[in-house]
Amino acid sequence: MSNKKLTVNMGVAANENLCYENITSLLQAADTLLYKAKFRGSEQICLGQH
């Protein structure tokens, strides 16, 4: 049996109010949140709304 551990960081951007101009800006926001989660450490989720 392996002793490997899987950790996940996530950046989630919601477009509930249709504030992002296009899919590119929505994905950029999610990417920024992902790097914020990585900076905070392992097993982090950062959520954001525009």
Protein backbone atom coordinates (compact mmCIF):
# COMPACT_ATOMS: atom_id res chain seq x y z
CA MET A 1 0.00 0.00 0.00
CA SER A 2 1.27 3.49 -0.83
CA ASN A 3 1.62 6.30 1.70
CA LYS A 4 1.12 9.03 -0.90
CA LYS A 5 -1.21 11.91 -0.10
CA LEU A 6 -3.20 13.90 -2.60
CA THR A 7 -3.97 17.53 -1.82
CA VAL A 8 -6.17 19.86 -3.84
CA ASN A 9 -6.25 23.61 -4.14
CA MET A 10 -9.09 25.31 -5.99
CA GLY A 11 -9.94 28.74 -7.27
CA VAL A 12 -13.62 29.23 -8.00
CA ALA A 13 -15.09 32.33 -9.64
CA ALA A 14 -18.87 32.66 -9.87
CA ASN A 15 -20.65 34.71 -12.49
CA GLU A 16 -24.10 34.71 -10.91
CA ASN A 17 -24.74 38.40 -11.65
CA LEU A 18 -23.20 38.21 -15.14
CA CYS A 19 -20.55 40.77 -14.15
CA TYR A 20 -17.70 39.23 -16.14
CA GLU A 21 -17.49 40.55 -19.68
CA ASN A 22 -16.57 37.21 -21.23
CA ILE A 23 -15.36 33.70 -20.49
CA THR A 24 -11.73 34.83 -20.60
CA SER A 25 -12.18 37.29 -17.74
CA LEU A 26 -14.07 34.66 -15.74
CA LEU A 27 -11.25 32.13 -16.22
CA GLN A 28 -8.64 34.76 -15.31
CA ALA A 29 -10.48 35.42 -12.06
CA ALA A 30 -10.57 31.69 -11.27
CA ASP A 31 -6.85 31.42 -12.06
CA THR A 32 -6.05 34.33 -9.74
CA LEU A 33 -8.06 32.67 -6.97
CA LEU A 34 -6.24 29.38 -7.57
CA TYR A 35 -2.85 31.04 -7.02
CA LYS A 36 -4.25 32.72 -3.90
CA ALA A 37 -5.28 29.29 -2.61
CA LYS A 38 -1.83 27.86 -3.38
CA PHE A 39 -0.20 30.73 -1.49
CA ARG A 40 -2.31 29.93 1.59
CA GLY A 41 -1.05 26.34 1.66
CA SER A 42 -2.32 22.89 0.77
CA GLU A 43 -5.98 21.92 0.73
CA GLN A 44 -7.35 25.43 0.28
CA ILE A 45 -10.34 26.73 -1.66
CA CYS A 46 -10.72 30.41 -2.57
CA LEU A 47 -14.10 31.59 -3.75
CA GLY A 48 -14.82 34.86 -5.49
CA GLN A 49 -17.60 36.81 -7.07
CA HIS A 50 -17.13 39.85 -9.23
